[in-house]
Structure formats: C-alpha cells, structure tokens
Protein backbone atom coordinates (compact mmCIF):
# COMPACT_ATOMS: atom_id res chain seq x y z
CA MET A 1 86.15 81.37 42.74
CA SER A 2 86.28 85.15 42.74
CA GLU A 3 83.17 87.28 42.85
CA GLN A 4 82.23 90.36 40.89
CA HIS A 5 79.12 92.34 41.88
CA GLY A 6 77.96 89.41 44.08
CA THR A 7 77.92 87.00 41.13
CA PRO A 8 80.51 84.25 40.76
CA THR A 9 82.93 85.27 38.00
CA HIS A 10 82.58 82.05 35.99
CA LEU A 11 78.80 82.56 35.87
CA HIS A 12 79.04 86.29 35.35
CA HIS A 13 81.06 85.91 32.19
CA GLY A 14 80.01 82.37 31.22
CA ALA A 15 76.32 83.23 31.09
CA ARG A 16 77.03 85.99 28.60
CA ALA A 17 79.35 83.87 26.49
CA GLY A 18 76.50 81.46 25.69
CA GLY A 19 74.87 83.75 23.17
CA ALA A 20 73.45 87.13 22.37
CA ALA A 21 70.27 86.35 24.27
CA HIS A 22 72.24 86.68 27.50
CA ALA A 23 73.89 89.99 26.72
CA GLY A 24 72.72 92.61 29.15
CA HIS A 25 71.87 90.28 32.00
CA ALA A 26 73.04 90.75 35.56
CA GLY A 27 72.51 94.48 35.62
CA HIS A 28 74.39 95.34 32.45
CA GLY A 29 71.48 97.03 30.72
CA PRO A 30 68.41 95.88 28.85
CA VAL A 31 68.22 92.43 27.34
CA ARG A 32 68.02 92.64 23.56
CA GLY A 33 66.57 89.85 21.45
CA ALA A 34 65.34 87.93 24.50
CA THR A 35 62.21 89.93 25.19
CA SER A 36 59.78 88.12 22.96
CA TRP A 37 56.35 87.21 24.18
CA ALA A 38 57.49 83.57 24.30
CA VAL A 39 60.32 84.40 26.72
CA ALA A 40 57.95 86.44 28.87
CA ALA A 41 55.36 83.65 28.82
CA ARG A 42 57.97 81.08 29.92
CA ALA A 43 59.09 83.37 32.75
CA THR A 44 55.48 83.92 33.79
CA LEU A 45 54.73 80.21 33.63
CA HIS A 46 57.75 79.53 35.85
CA CYS A 47 56.52 82.10 38.34
CA LEU A 48 52.93 80.87 38.07
CA THR A 49 54.03 77.34 38.95
CA GLY A 50 55.33 78.38 42.36
CA CYS A 51 52.44 80.78 42.92
CA ALA A 52 49.87 78.15 41.98
CA ILE A 53 51.36 75.56 44.33
CA GLY A 54 51.21 78.02 47.22
CA GLU A 55 47.87 79.51 46.21
CA VAL A 56 46.13 76.16 45.83
CA LEU A 57 47.66 74.81 49.04
CA GLY A 58 46.63 77.93 50.97
CA MET A 59 43.10 77.91 49.57
CA VAL A 60 42.68 74.18 50.26
CA ILE A 61 43.99 74.48 53.83
CA GLY A 62 41.99 77.61 54.67
CA THR A 63 38.80 76.33 53.06
CA SER A 64 39.10 72.84 54.57
CA LEU A 65 39.64 74.28 58.06
CA GLY A 66 36.72 76.65 57.64
CA TRP A 67 38.88 79.75 58.06
CA HIS A 68 37.56 83.23 57.47
CA THR A 69 38.25 84.65 54.01
CA ALA A 70 41.01 86.96 55.26
CA GLY A 71 42.95 84.11 56.87
CA THR A 72 42.59 81.89 53.82
CA VAL A 73 43.75 84.63 51.45
CA ALA A 74 46.66 85.61 53.72
CA LEU A 75 47.85 82.00 53.90
CA SER A 76 47.52 81.63 50.13
CA ILE A 77 49.56 84.76 49.49
CA ALA A 78 52.27 83.79 51.97
CA LEU A 79 52.59 80.29 50.52
CA ALA A 80 52.60 81.64 46.95
CA PHE A 81 55.62 83.79 47.77
CA VAL A 82 57.37 80.94 49.62
CA PHE A 83 56.92 78.43 46.79
CA GLY A 84 57.57 81.01 44.07
CA TYR A 85 60.87 82.04 45.63
CA ALA A 86 61.76 78.42 46.47
CA LEU A 87 61.51 77.29 42.84
CA THR A 88 63.74 80.14 41.68
CA VAL A 89 66.27 79.60 44.48
CA ARG A 90 66.39 75.90 43.59
CA GLY A 91 67.15 76.67 39.94
CA VAL A 92 69.79 79.27 40.73
CA LEU A 93 71.48 77.00 43.29
CA LYS A 94 71.90 74.41 40.51
CA ALA A 95 74.13 76.96 38.74
CA GLY A 96 76.58 76.64 41.61
CA VAL A 97 76.02 79.91 43.46
CA GLY A 98 75.65 80.18 47.21
CA PHE A 99 72.32 80.30 49.00
CA ARG A 100 72.54 84.02 49.83
CA THR A 101 73.16 84.92 46.18
CA ALA A 102 70.39 82.57 45.02
CA LEU A 103 67.94 84.08 47.50
CA SER A 104 68.94 87.59 46.47
CA VAL A 105 68.37 86.74 42.81
CA ALA A 106 64.98 85.17 43.59
CA LEU A 107 63.83 88.21 45.57
CA ALA A 108 64.91 90.60 42.82
CA ALA A 109 63.58 88.44 39.99
CA ASP A 110 60.22 87.32 41.31
CA THR A 111 58.81 89.82 43.80
CA ILE A 112 56.95 92.03 41.31
CA SER A 113 55.73 89.08 39.25
CA ILE A 114 54.42 87.19 42.30
CA ALA A 115 52.83 90.35 43.72
CA VAL A 116 50.97 91.08 40.47
CA MET A 117 49.81 87.47 40.25
CA GLU A 118 48.60 87.46 43.82
CA VAL A 119 46.67 90.71 43.46
CA VAL A 120 45.00 89.46 40.28
CA ASP A 121 44.14 85.91 41.30
CA ASN A 122 42.99 86.77 44.82
CA THR A 123 40.88 89.66 43.54
CA ALA A 124 39.30 87.27 41.05
CA MET A 125 38.64 84.65 43.72
CA LEU A 126 37.08 87.24 46.00
CA THR A 127 34.83 88.69 43.30
CA ILE A 128 33.36 85.33 42.27
CA PRO A 129 30.43 84.87 44.65
CA GLY A 130 30.99 81.92 47.01
CA ALA A 131 34.24 80.76 45.37
CA VAL A 132 36.47 80.94 48.44
CA HIS A 133 33.99 79.13 50.67
CA ALA A 134 32.60 76.67 48.12
CA GLY A 135 34.73 73.86 49.55
CA VAL A 136 37.39 71.71 47.94
CA GLY A 137 34.78 69.23 46.71
CA SER A 138 32.98 71.90 44.69
CA TRP A 139 33.42 72.54 40.99
CA LEU A 140 32.88 76.26 41.74
CA PHE A 141 35.98 76.34 43.96
CA TRP A 142 38.24 74.61 41.42
CA ALA A 143 36.86 76.36 38.33
CA SER A 144 37.19 79.75 40.05
CA LEU A 145 40.73 79.02 41.19
CA ALA A 146 41.78 77.79 37.73
CA GLY A 147 40.19 80.83 36.09
CA ALA A 148 41.81 83.20 38.58
CA LEU A 149 45.26 81.69 37.95
CA ALA A 150 44.75 81.83 34.17
CA LEU A 151 43.76 85.48 34.43
CA ALA A 152 46.86 86.15 36.57
CA PHE A 153 49.02 84.56 33.85
CA VAL A 154 47.49 86.73 31.12
CA ILE A 155 47.91 89.96 33.09
CA THR A 156 51.38 89.19 34.47
CA THR A 157 52.97 88.16 31.14
CA PRO A 158 53.19 91.75 29.78
CA VAL A 159 54.59 92.90 33.14
CA ASN A 160 57.32 90.26 32.93
CA ARG A 161 58.03 91.12 29.29
CA TRP A 162 58.50 94.77 30.25
CA MET A 163 60.81 93.87 33.17
CA ILE A 164 62.89 91.41 31.10
CA SER A 165 63.32 94.02 28.35
CA ARG A 166 64.91 96.29 30.96
CA GLY A 167 67.24 93.63 32.38
CA ARG A 168 65.04 93.06 35.44
CA GLY A 169 62.79 90.28 36.65
CA HIS A 170 63.60 86.91 35.13
CA ALA A 171 66.48 88.42 33.16
CA LEU A 172 68.37 88.25 36.46
CA VAL A 173 67.71 84.52 36.72
CA HIS A 174 68.91 83.88 33.16
CA ALA A 175 72.29 85.33 34.08
CA HIS A 176 72.77 82.26 36.29
CA HIS A 177 71.81 79.59 33.78
C-alpha cells in the first residue's frame, strides 16, 4: 500500500469516489454539500459521546473522592480528551490505517471541538451553585451535568459546521470512511 500525504492511497482516492459529499476531504479544500446542520450535529454528537464519557467519569470520580473543584475539573477535562480521541482513533483504525495516522487524524479532527465543549460544559457546571459538589446521588449533580453537556452540544454544533465547511474538523475523519 503506497501512501500519499500520510493517507493510504486506497483510502485517499476511495473515500472521494464514494460520492460528492466526500469531495474536498483530506485537505483538498472545503467540503461542498456535506456541511448541513445535520452533518454538523452528527459530528458534534460523535464528539460529545467521547467527551461525555470522560466528563461524567471525571466528575463522578472527583466528586466521590471529595476532591477539590480544580482537581475534579482537571480530571474531567483530561478524560474527555482521552475518550474523545479514543473513539475517533477507533473509527479511523477500522478503515485500515495505521495507529499513527489514526491518532494524527483524531488530533486534527477533534481538538477544537473537544476544547469548545470542555470550556462550555465546565463553565456551566462551575456557575451552577453547588453542582460540582452535590454528590453523585443528587439530582442537582446529574441535572446540572446533563444541562451542561446539552449546552455544549448546542454551542459546539455551529463551530463544527464551520470547520467541516472548510475541510477541517470531522471532514478529516470522513476522508477515512
């Protein structure tokens, strides 16, 4: 298998042969016809899944152990990035690329999206009085976390739509499907 621009040739050309929605992927300019709100929402939901796993896990661990707010938030952010990247790497690996390429795609595709989500949902959690320290048995904790993640989805979707329309973000992942 030969490589072109770090992407396996059969994927580089095969991904574009599947339809007009893939034209422009892999750094060949903006994606046309694939930048609808639905595409952006699916990309955001994919990103939110990994972020939510890490965010919830971090909040549950930090809160259950009685950690200070800063430690709990730091753990949540770190785990959100780990799980967010891991889900993307897993999907790209299924396309038959090597781990280094899959990791590179995940870093390029998800960093801005995860960062925006983490700023939004952690800011929301921190501004809701008592939410972080309410405890995992409290409705306030879970309602605040759910609301914060929903808000992150709403705010991150237009960011992802803008990035996809310019051949960035999740457009890079689609080049490997």
